[in-house]
Amino acid sequence: MNAAPLSGRAQRRFGWPQRVFSQVLLMQLAIITGVTVLVTGLFLAPLSAQLDDEAMRRALAIAQSTAAQPGIAEDLRTTEPSAFGPVQSAAEEIRRATGAEYVVVLDHRGVRWSHPEADRIGEVVSTDPGDALRGREVMEIDSGTLGRSARGKVPLFGGSGSSEVVGAVSVGIEYDSVRARLLGAIPGLLAYAGTALAVGALAAYLISRRLQRQTHDLAFSDISALLTEREAMLHSIREGVVALDGTGRVRLLNDEAQRLLGLGPEVAGRPLEEVLDGGRTADVLAGRVVGEDLLAVQGGRVLLANRMETDDGGAVVTLRDRTELEHLGRELDSTTGLIDALRAQDHEHANRLHTLLGLLELEMHEDAMEFVTEVVGVHRATAEQVTEKVRDPLLAALLVGKTTVAAERGVSLRLAPGTLLPDRVVDPRGLVTVVGNLVDNATDAAAGSKDARIEVGLRAEGRTVVLRVSDSGPGIAPERYGSIFTEGWSTKDLPAHGKRGLGLPLVRRLAERQGGSVTVAGADGGGAVFTVVLPEALGTASTTTGGEQ
């Protein structure tokens, strides 16, 4: 949505390009060009110095060879400087043989005895020969009568084994030849540099093209705006979003997902299994359970999860909170059951009124009194029996209501012998949820069976509540004992709100949250027995008394 207007704006702007592809390509080309120029310069600088040194050493070597000639020193003492003298002839022969610019032999006064320009013989040299005449060898780049040259100067000794310096030999290599060698090396060097630059530019272009595809040819401003919008959207929507990378680590967790899963932002970057400690919720998020609108229970919340794979091997999971909706659905189920029970009771009440009216019309007054006493007494006895053994008012009211509903479905609900629960329940609503779910499941299982019955046992062991619900239904196969507590598992038809398989997982979560447990086993004579142990479910007597005051 934002790319189109930004694209038009980028096309109208001049100067630095806005697209990530173009900017990265230009920066890479600039870096490659700069590095190539720098490397070329760093190579040429020592090459020039190396060529100078090589020329000076060559000149020095020629000078040393010339000074080592056996007749040079003798001819210097016995002849006069002349264009046709033996010293000039020997020096010119050496110059032509070695390609040197000049070979100059001078005496101890600095007078030339040889020179490529014969008319300069007999003149004093133009540069100071002092170091060579003092017995030291010299290498230098200097300018003389023949121009700039690489020079080597050595002393000329009087004879074999003599230490007397009678003159010096100076040899020059034309500096233009040194410069020519340097310039001759530059084209080859530039060819290599150009090839490297071309290869680097091609690589930069290919990398930038790949980056262009990955960024969908967006500008940096587009990417920044998209990131800002994404952060605002993720943290404002009322739906949990969990992003995972290809290795199963949590990449992103928005505010709603943190609330639903009971996690904090510090879990980003940690493995999913480490964050959620296994269970169905972790299986759903990791993709081990596949499907749409998958149910999961996390910390007492009913979640609806959908998972979408991403191109990099990761996934994005969306979570919706169905806790309130599930509670409403269960209340709808209960209300529907109560309506059916009231409808049946209405018919039963009408039948009883008709029976009572008939007895009165027949003037069978004593029979009518017995009939009324019997009907009223049964309901009163049931309510009194429940409230006597179950002292918590919410739980007692639930059991009275469930007894009526079960009776209308042809199921007898009774309290087990030894049932006694004091009015010290810490979390009455939680216990009502546990008992209600188990009794509803037992009613559904027992309905239609022979001698349909449900037995509910509640007893206190210190501060621990032990709940036992058994039914006369078909029972549960032992191999399914573990799977019945999994979210979404059910043997019943879908209810009005469209989801089942949450009651037993909620019971287990509520029990585990209080440090307790829930188990299932087969009942004697068929059916199933669910046992729930809830430690610390009862308060102390002193706490309860204090609260009542």
Protein backbone atom coordinates (compact mmCIF):
# COMPACT_ATOMS: atom_id res chain seq x y z
CA MET A 1 0.00 0.00 0.00
CA ASN A 2 2.81 2.42 0.86
CA ALA A 3 5.19 1.36 -1.93
CA ALA A 4 3.33 3.09 -4.78
CA PRO A 5 3.38 6.68 -3.49
CA LEU A 6 6.91 6.31 -2.19
CA SER A 7 7.99 4.98 -5.58
CA GLY A 8 6.61 8.04 -7.34
CA ARG A 9 8.31 10.32 -4.84
CA ALA A 10 11.61 8.52 -5.26
CA GLN A 11 11.39 8.91 -9.05
CA ARG A 12 10.89 12.65 -8.75
CA ARG A 13 13.89 13.13 -6.48
CA PHE A 14 17.35 13.73 -7.94
CA GLY A 15 20.70 12.88 -6.46
CA TRP A 16 21.19 9.96 -4.09
CA PRO A 17 18.86 7.06 -5.07
CA GLN A 18 16.27 5.88 -2.56
CA ARG A 19 16.00 2.19 -3.42
CA VAL A 20 17.96 -0.22 -1.24
CA PHE A 21 19.20 -1.99 -4.38
CA SER A 22 20.61 1.19 -5.92
CA GLN A 23 22.16 2.50 -2.73
CA VAL A 24 23.86 -0.76 -1.88
CA LEU A 25 25.13 -1.15 -5.47
CA LEU A 26 26.58 2.38 -5.51
CA MET A 27 28.18 1.94 -2.10
CA GLN A 28 29.71 -1.38 -3.12
CA LEU A 29 31.03 0.10 -6.38
CA ALA A 30 32.48 3.06 -4.49
CA ILE A 31 34.17 0.75 -2.00
CA ILE A 32 35.52 -1.56 -4.71
CA THR A 33 36.81 1.38 -6.77
CA GLY A 34 38.40 3.00 -3.75
CA VAL A 35 40.08 -0.23 -2.68
CA THR A 36 41.35 -0.87 -6.22
CA VAL A 37 42.81 2.64 -6.51
CA LEU A 38 44.37 2.37 -3.04
CA VAL A 39 45.92 -1.03 -3.76
CA THR A 40 47.22 0.19 -7.12
CA GLY A 41 48.77 3.25 -5.51
CA LEU A 42 50.28 1.19 -2.70
CA PHE A 43 51.79 -1.11 -5.32
CA LEU A 44 53.16 1.66 -7.53
CA ALA A 45 54.83 3.56 -4.69
CA PRO A 46 57.25 0.79 -3.69
CA LEU A 47 57.67 -0.20 -7.35
CA SER A 48 59.07 3.22 -8.16
CA ALA A 49 61.44 3.06 -5.22
CA GLN A 50 62.41 -0.48 -6.17
CA LEU A 51 63.23 0.54 -9.74
CA ASP A 52 65.31 3.49 -8.47
CA ASP A 53 67.23 1.24 -6.13
CA GLU A 54 67.76 -1.31 -8.87
CA ALA A 55 69.14 1.36 -11.24
CA MET A 56 71.46 2.78 -8.56
CA ARG A 57 72.79 -0.69 -7.71
CA ARG A 58 73.36 -1.40 -11.38
CA ALA A 59 75.29 1.88 -11.75
CA LEU A 60 77.33 1.05 -8.65
CA ALA A 61 78.12 -2.43 -9.98
CA ILE A 62 79.33 -0.97 -13.31
CA ALA A 63 81.44 1.55 -11.42
CA GLN A 64 82.96 -1.19 -9.27
CA SER A 65 83.76 -3.27 -12.36
CA THR A 66 85.34 -0.25 -14.05
CA ALA A 67 87.46 0.59 -11.00
CA ALA A 68 88.63 -3.01 -10.87
CA GLN A 69 90.15 -2.76 -14.40
CA PRO A 70 93.95 -3.25 -13.88
CA GLY A 71 95.15 -0.47 -16.25
CA ILE A 72 92.80 2.35 -15.29
CA ALA A 73 94.74 3.59 -12.23
CA GLU A 74 98.11 3.26 -14.03
CA ASP A 75 96.88 5.16 -17.09
CA LEU A 76 95.52 7.85 -14.74
CA ARG A 77 99.06 8.38 -13.37
CA THR A 78 101.05 8.10 -16.58
CA THR A 79 98.91 9.84 -19.20
CA GLU A 80 97.13 13.12 -19.68
CA PRO A 81 93.31 13.52 -19.96
CA SER A 82 92.51 13.31 -23.66
CA ALA A 83 89.56 12.41 -25.92
CA PHE A 84 91.79 9.75 -27.49
CA GLY A 85 93.57 8.60 -24.34
CA PRO A 86 93.44 5.03 -22.99
CA VAL A 87 91.19 5.99 -20.06
CA GLN A 88 88.54 7.50 -22.35
CA SER A 89 88.73 4.50 -24.69
CA ALA A 90 88.33 1.99 -21.87
CA ALA A 91 85.46 3.97 -20.25
CA GLU A 92 83.56 4.35 -23.54
CA GLU A 93 83.96 0.66 -24.28
CA ILE A 94 82.46 -0.19 -20.87
CA ARG A 95 79.64 2.38 -21.38
CA ARG A 96 78.65 0.92 -24.71
CA ALA A 97 78.84 -2.64 -23.39
CA THR A 98 76.68 -1.99 -20.29
CA GLY A 99 74.19 0.54 -21.76
CA ALA A 100 75.07 3.12 -19.10
CA GLU A 101 74.45 6.78 -19.80
CA TYR A 102 78.01 7.68 -18.88
CA VAL A 103 81.18 6.25 -17.34
CA VAL A 104 83.33 9.04 -15.95
CA VAL A 105 86.83 8.49 -14.52
CA LEU A 106 88.23 11.39 -12.54
CA ASP A 107 91.47 12.01 -10.68
CA HIS A 108 91.97 13.09 -7.10
CA ARG A 109 91.34 16.72 -8.11
CA GLY A 110 87.91 15.89 -9.58
CA VAL A 111 89.09 16.39 -13.20
CA ARG A 112 87.39 14.22 -15.80
CA TRP A 113 89.54 11.76 -17.75
CA SER A 114 86.54 10.27 -19.58
CA HIS A 115 83.08 11.46 -20.61
CA PRO A 116 80.51 10.62 -23.36
CA GLU A 117 80.96 14.21 -24.58
CA ALA A 118 84.68 14.38 -25.36
CA ASP A 119 84.89 18.16 -25.09
CA ARG A 120 84.13 17.90 -21.35
CA ILE A 121 87.27 15.85 -20.69
CA GLY A 122 89.74 17.83 -18.58
CA GLU A 123 86.99 19.75 -16.78
CA VAL A 124 86.08 19.43 -13.14
CA VAL A 125 82.98 17.35 -12.53
CA SER A 126 79.70 19.21 -11.84
CA THR A 127 78.80 17.25 -8.70
CA ASP A 128 80.82 16.86 -5.53
CA PRO A 129 83.01 13.69 -5.70
CA GLY A 130 84.24 14.11 -2.13
CA ASP A 131 82.73 10.95 -0.64
CA ALA A 132 84.14 8.72 -3.37
CA LEU A 133 87.59 10.38 -3.15
CA ARG A 134 87.53 9.74 0.61
CA GLY A 135 87.17 6.04 -0.07
CA ARG A 136 83.38 5.58 0.28
CA GLU A 137 80.94 4.14 -2.27
CA VAL A 138 77.92 6.28 -3.11
CA MET A 139 74.47 5.52 -4.64
CA GLU A 140 72.13 8.39 -5.44
CA ILE A 141 69.65 9.98 -7.81
CA ASP A 142 71.06 13.30 -8.91
CA SER A 143 71.29 15.72 -11.82
CA GLY A 144 74.44 16.58 -13.74
CA THR A 145 75.57 17.83 -17.12
CA LEU A 146 73.65 14.99 -18.83
CA GLY A 147 70.50 15.46 -16.82
CA ARG A 148 68.93 13.41 -14.04
CA SER A 149 70.37 9.93 -13.56
CA ALA A 150 70.79 7.08 -11.13
CA ARG A 151 74.41 7.17 -10.05
CA GLY A 152 77.00 4.94 -8.49
CA LYS A 153 80.39 6.28 -7.40
CA VAL A 154 83.37 4.24 -6.15
CA PRO A 155 86.95 5.20 -5.23
CA LEU A 156 89.80 4.32 -7.58
CA PHE A 157 92.84 2.92 -5.75
CA GLY A 158 96.45 3.32 -6.90
CA GLY A 159 97.29 -0.36 -7.52
CA SER A 160 96.77 -3.92 -6.48
CA GLY A 161 96.51 -3.99 -2.71
CA SER A 162 97.09 -0.25 -2.44
CA SER A 163 94.90 1.87 -0.18
CA GLU A 164 95.83 5.14 -1.87
CA VAL A 165 92.86 6.78 -3.60
CA VAL A 166 94.04 8.25 -6.87
CA GLY A 167 90.64 9.08 -8.27
CA ALA A 168 87.07 7.85 -8.60
CA VAL A 169 84.71 6.24 -11.09
CA SER A 170 81.18 7.62 -11.52
CA VAL A 171 78.60 5.71 -13.58
CA GLY A 172 75.14 7.03 -14.42
CA ILE A 173 72.02 5.22 -15.62
CA GLU A 174 69.64 7.45 -17.54
CA TYR A 175 66.67 8.17 -15.25
CA ASP A 176 64.30 8.34 -18.18
CA SER A 177 64.86 4.63 -18.70
CA VAL A 178 63.89 3.99 -15.09
CA ARG A 179 60.76 6.09 -15.53
CA ALA A 180 60.04 4.24 -18.77
CA ARG A 181 60.15 0.89 -16.97
CA LEU A 182 57.77 2.26 -14.33
CA LEU A 183 55.40 3.60 -16.96
CA GLY A 184 55.67 0.36 -18.86
CA ALA A 185 54.51 -1.58 -15.80
CA ILE A 186 51.49 0.66 -15.25
CA PRO A 187 49.34 -0.66 -18.19
CA GLY A 188 49.67 -4.24 -17.00
CA LEU A 189 48.95 -3.21 -13.44
CA LEU A 190 45.93 -1.21 -14.56
CA ALA A 191 44.72 -4.19 -16.58
CA TYR A 192 44.83 -6.38 -13.51
CA ALA A 193 43.18 -3.66 -11.43
CA GLY A 194 40.50 -3.16 -14.09
CA THR A 195 39.80 -6.88 -14.22
CA ALA A 196 39.51 -7.02 -10.43
CA LEU A 197 37.27 -3.95 -10.51
CA ALA A 198 35.04 -5.51 -13.17
CA VAL A 199 34.74 -8.79 -11.27
CA GLY A 200 33.97 -6.87 -8.06
CA ALA A 201 31.39 -4.72 -9.85
CA LEU A 202 29.70 -7.84 -11.28
CA ALA A 203 29.64 -9.48 -7.86
CA ALA A 204 28.25 -6.28 -6.33
CA TYR A 205 25.55 -6.15 -8.98
CA LEU A 206 24.52 -9.78 -8.43
CA ILE A 207 24.43 -9.30 -4.65
CA SER A 208 22.42 -6.11 -5.05
CA ARG A 209 19.96 -7.83 -7.39
CA ARG A 210 19.43 -10.57 -4.81
CA LEU A 211 18.96 -7.90 -2.17
CA GLN A 212 16.47 -6.19 -4.47
CA ARG A 213 14.39 -9.36 -4.71
CA GLN A 214 14.54 -9.94 -0.97
CA THR A 215 13.53 -6.37 -0.14
CA HIS A 216 10.92 -6.22 -2.95
CA ASP A 217 12.70 -3.17 -4.40
CA LEU A 218 11.76 -1.00 -1.44
CA ALA A 219 13.48 2.17 -0.35
CA PHE A 220 15.08 2.50 3.06
CA SER A 221 12.30 4.90 4.04
CA ASP A 222 9.75 2.26 2.99
CA ILE A 223 11.43 -0.38 5.13
CA SER A 224 11.61 1.97 8.11
CA ALA A 225 7.93 2.86 7.70
CA LEU A 226 6.95 -0.80 7.36
CA LEU A 227 8.86 -1.72 10.50
CA THR A 228 7.23 1.10 12.42
CA GLU A 229 3.78 0.11 11.18
CA ARG A 230 4.45 -3.54 11.96
CA GLU A 231 5.46 -2.78 15.52
CA ALA A 232 2.39 -0.60 16.03
CA MET A 233 0.08 -3.20 14.51
CA LEU A 234 1.53 -6.19 16.36
CA HIS A 235 1.34 -4.51 19.74
CA SER A 236 -2.10 -3.00 19.24
CA ILE A 237 -4.14 -5.92 17.92
CA ARG A 238 -6.08 -8.02 20.39
CA GLU A 239 -4.80 -11.27 18.96
CA GLY A 240 -1.66 -13.04 20.04
CA VAL A 241 1.13 -13.38 17.47
CA VAL A 242 4.12 -15.67 17.96
CA ALA A 243 6.86 -15.80 15.30
CA LEU A 244 9.34 -18.70 15.24
CA ASP A 245 12.54 -19.05 13.23
CA GLY A 246 13.68 -22.12 11.33
CA THR A 247 15.35 -23.62 14.42
CA GLY A 248 12.25 -23.36 16.61
CA ARG A 249 13.36 -20.31 18.58
CA VAL A 250 10.94 -17.53 19.50
CA ARG A 251 11.61 -14.65 17.14
CA LEU A 252 8.77 -12.33 18.15
CA LEU A 253 6.04 -12.24 20.78
CA ASN A 254 3.53 -9.39 20.79
CA ASP A 255 1.85 -8.01 23.92
CA GLU A 256 -1.32 -10.08 23.58
CA ALA A 257 0.65 -13.32 23.09
CA GLN A 258 2.66 -12.53 26.22
CA ARG A 259 -0.59 -12.09 28.14
CA LEU A 260 -2.23 -15.23 26.79
CA LEU A 261 0.81 -17.46 27.30
CA GLY A 262 1.91 -15.88 30.57
CA LEU A 263 5.37 -15.04 29.16
CA GLY A 264 7.56 -11.96 29.10
CA PRO A 265 9.55 -10.25 26.32
CA GLU A 266 12.76 -11.85 27.59
CA VAL A 267 11.81 -15.21 26.00
CA ALA A 268 12.68 -13.86 22.53
CA GLY A 269 15.57 -15.86 21.12
CA ARG A 270 14.98 -18.88 23.35
CA PRO A 271 13.82 -22.32 22.12
CA LEU A 272 10.07 -22.89 22.20
CA GLU A 273 10.38 -26.10 24.21
CA GLU A 274 12.35 -24.27 26.88
CA VAL A 275 9.78 -21.49 27.08
CA LEU A 276 6.60 -23.62 27.28
CA ASP A 277 7.95 -26.81 28.89
CA GLY A 278 6.19 -29.12 26.43
CA GLY A 279 2.47 -29.92 26.40
CA ARG A 280 -0.18 -29.50 23.72
CA THR A 281 0.30 -25.74 23.44
CA ALA A 282 3.98 -26.26 22.57
CA ASP A 283 3.03 -29.02 20.12
CA VAL A 284 0.54 -26.73 18.38
CA LEU A 285 2.99 -23.84 18.16
CA ALA A 286 5.81 -26.10 16.94
CA GLY A 287 3.60 -27.62 14.23
CA ARG A 288 3.58 -31.17 15.61
CA VAL A 289 -0.21 -30.91 15.71
CA VAL A 290 -1.61 -29.68 12.40
CA GLY A 291 -4.99 -28.29 11.45
CA GLU A 292 -7.05 -25.13 11.61
CA ASP A 293 -8.47 -23.51 14.74
CA LEU A 294 -6.58 -25.89 17.03
CA LEU A 295 -7.59 -25.79 20.69
CA ALA A 296 -5.05 -25.43 23.47
CA VAL A 297 -5.26 -24.68 27.18
CA GLN A 298 -2.56 -22.53 28.74
CA GLY A 299 -2.70 -21.41 32.36
CA GLY A 300 -6.47 -21.78 32.60
CA ARG A 301 -7.09 -20.01 29.28
CA VAL A 302 -8.71 -21.65 26.28
CA LEU A 303 -6.80 -20.64 23.14
CA LEU A 304 -7.56 -21.07 19.45
CA ALA A 305 -4.35 -21.37 17.42
CA ASN A 306 -3.59 -21.19 13.70
CA ARG A 307 -0.10 -21.75 12.30
CA MET A 308 1.32 -20.46 9.00
CA GLU A 309 4.71 -21.55 7.64
CA THR A 310 7.13 -18.88 6.35
CA ASP A 311 9.59 -19.07 3.44
CA ASP A 312 12.66 -19.17 5.71
CA GLY A 313 11.51 -22.36 7.47
CA GLY A 314 9.95 -20.59 10.43
CA ALA A 315 6.30 -20.01 11.25
CA VAL A 316 3.84 -17.43 12.54
CA VAL A 317 1.17 -18.58 15.01
CA THR A 318 -1.90 -16.52 15.85
CA LEU A 319 -3.70 -17.06 19.15
CA ARG A 320 -7.23 -16.06 20.06
CA ASP A 321 -8.62 -16.10 23.57
CA ARG A 322 -11.74 -18.29 23.69
CA THR A 323 -11.94 -18.50 27.46
CA GLU A 324 -14.98 -16.24 27.84
CA LEU A 325 -16.61 -17.68 24.75
CA GLU A 326 -16.03 -21.19 26.03
CA HIS A 327 -17.53 -20.28 29.39
CA LEU A 328 -20.53 -18.78 27.61
CA GLY A 329 -20.86 -21.93 25.50
CA ARG A 330 -20.79 -24.11 28.57
CA GLU A 331 -23.33 -21.88 30.27
CA LEU A 332 -25.46 -22.21 27.15
CA ASP A 333 -25.18 -25.98 27.35
CA SER A 334 -26.12 -25.87 31.04
CA THR A 335 -28.98 -23.47 30.35
CA THR A 336 -30.27 -25.71 27.58
CA GLY A 337 -30.14 -28.67 29.95
CA LEU A 338 -31.92 -26.69 32.64
CA ILE A 339 -34.58 -25.58 30.18
CA ASP A 340 -35.15 -29.18 29.16
CA ALA A 341 -35.31 -30.16 32.82
CA LEU A 342 -37.77 -27.36 33.61
CA ARG A 343 -39.89 -28.33 30.63
CA ALA A 344 -39.97 -31.92 31.84
CA GLN A 345 -40.70 -30.77 35.39
CA ASP A 346 -43.51 -28.60 34.06
CA HIS A 347 -45.10 -31.67 32.50
CA GLU A 348 -44.48 -33.66 35.66
CA HIS A 349 -45.89 -30.87 37.82
CA ALA A 350 -49.01 -30.71 35.63
CA ASN A 351 -49.44 -34.47 35.93
CA ARG A 352 -49.14 -34.24 39.71
CA LEU A 353 -51.68 -31.41 39.86
CA HIS A 354 -54.10 -33.43 37.74
CA THR A 355 -53.57 -36.43 40.00
CA LEU A 356 -54.14 -34.27 43.10
CA LEU A 357 -57.27 -32.71 41.50
CA GLY A 358 -58.65 -36.15 40.74
CA LEU A 359 -58.08 -37.38 44.28
CA LEU A 360 -59.86 -34.32 45.67
CA GLU A 361 -62.81 -34.66 43.27
CA LEU A 362 -63.13 -38.27 44.33
CA GLU A 363 -63.09 -37.02 47.92
CA MET A 364 -60.03 -39.21 48.65
CA HIS A 365 -58.61 -36.59 50.98
CA GLU A 366 -56.27 -38.85 52.93
CA ASP A 367 -54.74 -40.23 49.72
CA ALA A 368 -54.29 -36.68 48.44
CA MET A 369 -52.43 -35.65 51.60
CA GLU A 370 -50.14 -38.67 51.38
CA PHE A 371 -49.43 -37.92 47.73
CA VAL A 372 -48.46 -34.28 48.42
CA THR A 373 -46.37 -35.27 51.43
CA GLU A 374 -44.47 -37.84 49.37
CA VAL A 375 -43.74 -35.47 46.47
CA VAL A 376 -42.57 -32.62 48.67
CA GLY A 377 -40.59 -34.90 50.93
CA VAL A 378 -38.50 -36.40 48.12
CA HIS A 379 -37.22 -33.01 46.89
CA ARG A 380 -36.71 -31.71 50.42
CA ALA A 381 -34.81 -34.85 51.42
CA THR A 382 -32.52 -34.54 48.42
CA ALA A 383 -31.68 -30.89 49.15
CA GLU A 384 -31.22 -31.50 52.86
CA GLN A 385 -29.01 -34.53 52.23
CA VAL A 386 -26.71 -32.51 49.93
CA THR A 387 -26.45 -29.42 52.16
CA GLU A 388 -25.82 -31.58 55.22
CA LYS A 389 -22.79 -33.26 53.67
CA VAL A 390 -21.58 -30.43 51.42
CA ARG A 391 -21.33 -27.26 53.50
CA ASP A 392 -20.12 -24.91 50.75
CA PRO A 393 -23.25 -23.16 49.39
CA LEU A 394 -22.06 -22.83 45.77
CA LEU A 395 -21.05 -26.46 45.52
CA ALA A 396 -24.22 -27.66 47.29
CA ALA A 397 -26.42 -25.62 44.93
CA LEU A 398 -24.54 -27.07 41.96
CA LEU A 399 -25.07 -30.65 43.14
CA VAL A 400 -28.78 -30.07 43.82
CA GLY A 401 -29.24 -28.65 40.35
CA LYS A 402 -27.20 -31.43 38.72
CA THR A 403 -29.28 -34.02 40.59
CA THR A 404 -32.47 -32.61 39.08
CA VAL A 405 -31.00 -32.42 35.56
CA ALA A 406 -29.62 -35.96 35.81
CA ALA A 407 -32.96 -37.28 37.08
CA GLU A 408 -34.72 -35.82 34.04
CA ARG A 409 -32.30 -37.74 31.84
CA GLY A 410 -33.00 -40.94 33.73
CA VAL A 411 -29.75 -40.88 35.73
CA SER A 412 -29.62 -41.19 39.49
CA LEU A 413 -27.07 -38.88 41.10
CA ARG A 414 -26.19 -39.58 44.71
CA LEU A 415 -23.48 -38.72 47.16
CA ALA A 416 -21.02 -41.44 48.09
CA PRO A 417 -20.96 -42.74 51.66
CA GLY A 418 -18.53 -40.80 53.79
CA THR A 419 -18.97 -37.56 51.81
CA LEU A 420 -18.31 -34.55 54.01
CA LEU A 421 -16.92 -31.21 52.85
CA PRO A 422 -16.64 -28.32 55.36
CA ASP A 423 -17.36 -24.72 54.44
CA ARG A 424 -13.66 -23.82 54.18
CA VAL A 425 -13.10 -23.98 50.43
CA VAL A 426 -10.42 -21.50 49.34
CA ASP A 427 -11.52 -21.32 45.68
CA PRO A 428 -15.20 -22.31 45.47
CA ARG A 429 -15.55 -21.28 41.82
CA GLY A 430 -12.60 -23.43 40.78
CA LEU A 431 -13.98 -26.44 42.63
CA VAL A 432 -17.44 -25.81 41.08
CA THR A 433 -15.80 -25.86 37.63
CA VAL A 434 -14.06 -29.17 38.37
CA VAL A 435 -17.16 -30.86 39.85
CA GLY A 436 -19.48 -29.44 37.16
CA ASN A 437 -17.30 -30.68 34.28
CA LEU A 438 -16.89 -34.16 35.75
CA VAL A 439 -20.63 -34.51 36.61
CA ASP A 440 -21.64 -33.30 33.12
CA ASN A 441 -19.33 -35.82 31.48
CA ALA A 442 -20.57 -38.58 33.80
CA THR A 443 -24.22 -37.69 33.04
CA ASP A 444 -23.57 -37.87 29.30
CA ALA A 445 -21.80 -41.21 29.71
CA ALA A 446 -24.39 -42.81 32.02
CA ALA A 447 -27.51 -41.61 30.19
CA GLY A 448 -29.19 -44.54 28.46
CA SER A 449 -27.26 -47.23 30.34
CA LYS A 450 -28.91 -49.88 32.50
CA ASP A 451 -29.48 -48.66 36.07
CA ALA A 452 -27.95 -45.32 35.09
CA ARG A 453 -26.27 -43.74 38.08
CA ILE A 454 -23.59 -41.28 39.16
CA GLU A 455 -21.84 -41.26 42.48
CA VAL A 456 -20.04 -38.14 43.74
CA GLY A 457 -17.70 -38.37 46.69
CA LEU A 458 -16.14 -35.37 48.43
CA ARG A 459 -13.97 -35.65 51.50
CA ALA A 460 -11.44 -33.52 53.32
CA GLU A 461 -8.03 -34.80 54.37
CA GLY A 462 -6.57 -31.95 56.35
CA ARG A 463 -6.49 -29.08 53.85
CA THR A 464 -6.67 -31.44 50.88
CA VAL A 465 -9.93 -32.11 49.02
CA VAL A 466 -10.35 -35.50 47.33
CA LEU A 467 -13.10 -35.64 44.70
CA ARG A 468 -14.30 -38.93 43.24
CA VAL A 469 -16.90 -39.14 40.44
CA SER A 470 -17.97 -42.52 39.08
CA ASP A 471 -20.62 -43.44 36.51
CA SER A 472 -22.31 -46.52 35.04
CA GLY A 473 -21.47 -45.63 31.44
CA PRO A 474 -19.46 -47.70 28.94
CA GLY A 475 -16.17 -46.66 30.53
CA ILE A 476 -12.87 -45.65 28.88
CA ALA A 477 -10.37 -48.00 27.29
CA PRO A 478 -7.10 -48.08 29.27
CA GLU A 479 -5.06 -47.10 26.21
CA ARG A 480 -7.01 -43.81 26.09
CA TYR A 481 -6.41 -42.79 29.68
CA GLY A 482 -3.64 -40.39 28.59
CA SER A 483 -5.35 -38.91 25.53
CA ILE A 484 -8.66 -37.96 27.17
CA PHE A 485 -6.94 -35.00 28.89
CA THR A 486 -5.75 -33.61 25.53
CA GLU A 487 -7.44 -30.50 24.21
CA GLY A 488 -9.93 -31.28 21.46
CA TRP A 489 -10.33 -35.00 22.28
CA SER A 490 -13.96 -36.01 22.70
CA THR A 491 -16.37 -38.83 21.89
CA LYS A 492 -19.45 -36.56 21.89
CA ASP A 493 -21.23 -34.68 19.13
CA LEU A 494 -20.44 -31.00 18.71
CA PRO A 495 -22.49 -28.70 20.99
CA ALA A 496 -24.11 -25.41 20.04
CA HIS A 497 -20.86 -23.44 20.35
CA GLY A 498 -19.08 -25.82 17.99
CA LYS A 499 -16.15 -27.09 20.15
CA ARG A 500 -15.64 -30.02 22.49
CA GLY A 501 -12.77 -31.65 24.29
CA LEU A 502 -12.05 -28.84 26.76
CA GLY A 503 -13.70 -29.98 30.00
CA LEU A 504 -11.17 -32.58 31.10
CA PRO A 505 -8.13 -30.48 30.06
CA LEU A 506 -9.54 -27.60 32.13
CA VAL A 507 -10.02 -29.95 35.09
CA ARG A 508 -6.42 -31.11 34.81
CA ARG A 509 -5.10 -27.53 34.49
CA LEU A 510 -7.07 -26.37 37.53
CA ALA A 511 -5.83 -29.34 39.53
CA GLU A 512 -2.21 -28.89 38.48
CA ARG A 513 -2.38 -25.16 39.17
CA GLN A 514 -3.16 -26.01 42.80
CA GLY A 515 -0.40 -28.63 42.88
CA GLY A 516 -2.88 -31.51 42.56
CA SER A 517 -3.65 -34.21 40.04
CA VAL A 518 -6.48 -35.96 38.23
CA THR A 519 -6.56 -39.66 37.33
CA VAL A 520 -9.01 -42.00 35.65
CA ALA A 521 -9.66 -45.71 36.16
CA GLY A 522 -12.32 -48.29 35.46
CA ALA A 523 -15.23 -48.70 37.89
CA ASP A 524 -16.50 -51.98 39.33
CA GLY A 525 -19.30 -53.25 37.15
CA GLY A 526 -18.35 -50.92 34.26
CA GLY A 527 -18.08 -47.21 33.81
CA ALA A 528 -15.26 -44.86 34.75
CA VAL A 529 -13.97 -43.31 37.95
CA PHE A 530 -12.27 -39.88 37.98
CA THR A 531 -10.27 -38.95 41.07
CA VAL A 532 -9.11 -35.39 41.66
CA VAL A 533 -6.74 -34.46 44.48
CA LEU A 534 -6.53 -30.74 45.35
CA PRO A 535 -3.92 -29.95 48.03
CA GLU A 536 -4.37 -26.72 49.98
CA ALA A 537 -7.97 -26.43 48.68
CA LEU A 538 -9.33 -25.83 52.22
CA GLY A 539 -8.49 -22.97 54.51
CA THR A 540 -7.72 -23.40 58.21
CA ALA A 541 -10.54 -23.21 60.72
CA SER A 542 -9.06 -20.09 62.35
CA THR A 543 -8.79 -18.32 59.00
CA THR A 544 -12.39 -19.16 58.15
CA THR A 545 -13.63 -18.07 61.56
CA GLY A 546 -11.75 -14.81 61.31
CA GLY A 547 -13.24 -14.19 57.93
CA GLU A 548 -16.75 -14.79 59.23
CA GLN A 549 -16.29 -12.28 62.02
